Amino acid sequence: MVDKLQAWLEKVKSALNIFTHKRTVKSARITYQVVWNLLLLTLTVIILGGSFASGVGAGYFASLVKDEPVRSYDSMKKDIYNYTETSELYFADNVYLGKLRTDLEREEVKLDSVSKDLVNAVVATEDEYFYKHNGVVPKAVFRAVFQEVTNSAVQSGGSTLTQQLIKNQILTNEVSFQRKANEILLALRLEKFFDKKEILEAYLNVSTFGRNSSGRNIAGVQAAAKGIFGKKVSDLSLPQAAFIAGLPQSPFGYTPFTREGTIKEPKYLEPGLLRMKTVLKRMFDGGYINKQQYAEASAYDIKKDFIKPIANPLEKYPWLTVEIEKRSIEVLTTVLAKNDGVSEKELKNDDNLAYKYQILARNALRQNGYQIHSTIDKKIYDAMQKVKDRYPYYGPDKPQKKKDPETGEIKTVMEPAEVGAELIENKTGKIISFVAGRNYDDQQLNHATSAIRQNGSTMKPLLIYGPAIELGKAAPGTPLPNVALSLNPASSAPWPQNYDYRYSGIVSARYALAKSYNVPAVKLYKSIVDQRPAKYLEKMGFTSLRKDDYTNLATSIGSMTNGVTIEENTNAFTTFANNGRFIDAYMIDKIVDKDGKVIYQHKVKPVQVFKPQTAYLTIDMMRDVIKMGTAAGVRSQLNFSSDWAGKTGTGNQYIDSWFVASNPNVTFGLWRGYDTPKSLQTSGMSYSSRTNTLWAQLMNAAYKIKPELVAPKKSFKMPKGIVRRSFCAVSGMLPSEACSKAGLIESDYFNVNNVPTKVDDSLIEAKYVTVGEKKYLALDSTPKEFAQFGLILNPDFIKRIVGRSFHNYSQLIPQKDRWGKILVSSAKMSDNGKNPDQVSLKVTGNTLSWSKSGDNDVVGYRVYQGGVISKKVGSVVNGSKRSLKVGNGSFYVTAVDIAGKESAPSNLVEAGVKKPPKDPNIPVVPNDPNVPTEPTTP
């Protein structure tokens, strides 16, 4: 052993001698110098090259980001948290309606409210180093750059969650080195300003997640949780969290729902299911879940958790959704402008300014996650739609030629009779409900709020009777002429016509309104048109008035240049129910931002249009429309009683049909017609009955939901300043003795400041006779026995009421018994110059009867007793029954004409004489005054 060790030492020594040998040492020294110099050269080249490369790289990076501004904390915070959030819509009383229609539905959520499993799933899947890096993972960036430069088939990506947030909120999806450089720079800066919790919360709210069960695009984990699983994001299970976390990589590839909101076919669901398992694997690898959780979640059938398709609110409530959106934009336009110091007046007068704020308002509505609270009562709205859909009496569809917008071909289509209606709360102006039309798919026009139509006779209280009472030109009892007047300055033909083409003489304003007569209405309007009563329409919210509407007499009966919406017309009627104050109808009650701050709250701003006395008098007149006028059938169709006052309306040629009525709580207006104007007349039920019946059924539906709103127990309250006074029905003036004799004294309500003060002068006492069925003024020679007490319309009064050009005076007298003693000065008959024709007389017992004289000027008949020497025993006025009961004796009759001339006597008859029975045994001998006529006793 020692020997072996010694031998080994010798070998070592021998080896060491090599290095100590002179030649060996010299060679080693030379080799060392060469190797060292080469090493130094190599290191120098590497250092210089690396420095050059680094300098070039740094310079290139600097050149890429040179245009990117240095962003402040406030700037980045605004950009990062400026993500779109869909506004939510609500019925009245905070009842949820749905999301506003938008291309992307989003709902903000705080990180603390997000499921822990979902947070872990997102981090494990999208950025495993999220909690360690400072915004960028260098090796991931280099790997991504290398793959991009080499066009590698494997693209692993290099973006952290921070970078993805930058890309989504500040930059674009452009694929370029410049965009990537800016992304890296901003990610580093973002990490400097914000902590990990803030960055993760923003990312979870901005990422897109495909579609929800309504087929709408969704963004943010809250919208994803609700739209896919019907849960809040805090309540997600592990498999559900994993499924959602996998969606951002390919939102529309992995989403379980189609564009139509239906669940995809199994083969198209498979990619999303595999992605869920990938997420679970990464969670397991990252230590977020254990083996058992991984196994159970991977085996879970997530398909059973997908919620059933939910109807898009635009599909279930299309008209309502669109209307709320439109009105919200109008409200926000004013709010945003006001915030910038721009007044409503400036907006109204500057189209460019208005357009700018409308765009801002539209964008804010879709991005800021507002809560839009409307006034619409969901239950009443739903009930009215059911009635509307089931109503069987709209009338027939009618043909209409239309041009095909694509082919230009003229086609004939069938148009249905449409409907529009609106229910408004009087004291607040809240729009409680509306009916927009028959079928949204056929016609998107909202007939309640946007269709402009002629309002027919519903205009009369608004433009004629209300203003006339306000101006002191009329009262409910004011007499008006319902005769064939020519009120059109451009024509001598009678205008306007009444709907029934008949006339009824002098009528009260109250009766004219109840029966919807056009002539007296236009005649009254003509007397006030110079005072521009259309200004009252402006105060009551009419927005479609044109210059001619202020002077055209046809406006008074609803023939406007353009027309009016159902909402405007109905809203105007609330003025009378509100004691003369107009309260603008509204649908947007308030708007709340996502922080819970009310940025808009509707405020009621009443406008005094009429005096309270005017409003009540008009209401009282409109009560008669429902009691005994054109809407008399409505009351019996209602399932409740209330103090209703309203007005029907018919457009020219029957193309529009209306009924608007108020009670102390609500006003409900309804219109029917065709979108392309055409007559509503058809066989069967009348057009007005179809309208009034639908109105009643809709109100019954609302009453069933809220009887306390629709059927108040209180009645319209009469204000102070109204008195009841008697007047003459002919003139409206204080009763005269002549009017009293005629029995034409009436009483009605007046504004205390406008009661009549002058005594009636419309009647003049006179005598009249009856010829046939007509009455004529008696002549001076007319026998008094045939002249009756009567009254003549004063010619001066006639001129006052109908003008000088009207000559058919007799048309002024109503065909009513109480007006039977009234004549006109033109009711004259001249003597025909000859004696009347003889009449034929007969007797039955003691009753005489005779034939009618053939002359047309006979005013009566005289009855005489006796033969050669006779006396008058009776007079019968023409028009009475031509008979008279008399005593025994001989009688004859004469006819008397208006001039007092008599006809020749009629045949002579014996009254009361009994003839003896005929006996063949008794001879017939001539009458002898000395011989008894009765047979002697044998």
Foldseek 3Di string as FASTA:
>chain_A
DVVVVVVVVVVVVVVVVQCVDPVSVVVVVVVVVVVVVVVVVVVVCVVVVVVVVVVVVVVVLCVLCVPPDDDDLVRVVCQLQQFFAWAWEAEPPRHGLGTFDDQEHFDADAPVLAAPLLLLLLCLPAPVCLQPDLQFDVVLVVVQVVCVVVVPPDHPHGGHLLLVSCCQRPNDPDDDVSNVSNSSVVSNVVSVNDPSSVSSSSSQRAAWAAAFLQLHTYGHQQCVCCRWQNDGNNPDDNLRSLLRSLCRVPRNQQDQAHNNNAGDDPVSNVVSLVSSLVSLVSCCVSVVDDPVVSVVSNPDDCVVRTDHRDHHSCRVPVLVSVVLLVVQLVVQLQLVCVVVVHHPVNLVVDVVSSVVSSVVSNSCNRGFHKYFYWHEDVQLQVLLLVLLQPQDPQDFFQWDWDADPPPRDIDIDTFTKWKKKWKAWLPAQGTHYIDQIHDCVVPVGRQQPDDFDFQFQLLLLQQFQLVCQQVLNAFQLAKAFFDQACPDPVDRGGDDAFPVNDGFAIGGNLVCQLAVGDVRRLLRNVVCLVVQSCVLLVQLPFDPADPVCSRDSVVNRRDGPTGGGNQSSQQSLSCLLVLQKRWHHTIGQFMATPVRHTSDGDDTDIDRRGHSQSSVRSQVSQLSSCVPGPNVPLQVLAPADFSKGWHWGADPQRQKTKIWIDWNTMIMIMMIHTPPGDHSQDPDDGNNVSGSNSSRSSLNSVCVVPVCRSHPPDGRDRDPQKDKDKPFSLRLAREDPQSVVLVRIDIDMGRNVNHHDDYDDQKDKFWWFDFDNDIAGFDPQFDPVLTDIAIEGDPVVVCVRRNDVDDPVQSNQGPDPSSVRYHYPVRHDDDPPDAWEEWAWDDDAQKIAIDDIPDRFFQWKWKWFDDPDIDTDDIGGPVDHRMDGHDFGKMWMWTAGSNGHIYPTHDIDTHNDDDDDDDPVDDDDDDDPVDDPDDDDD
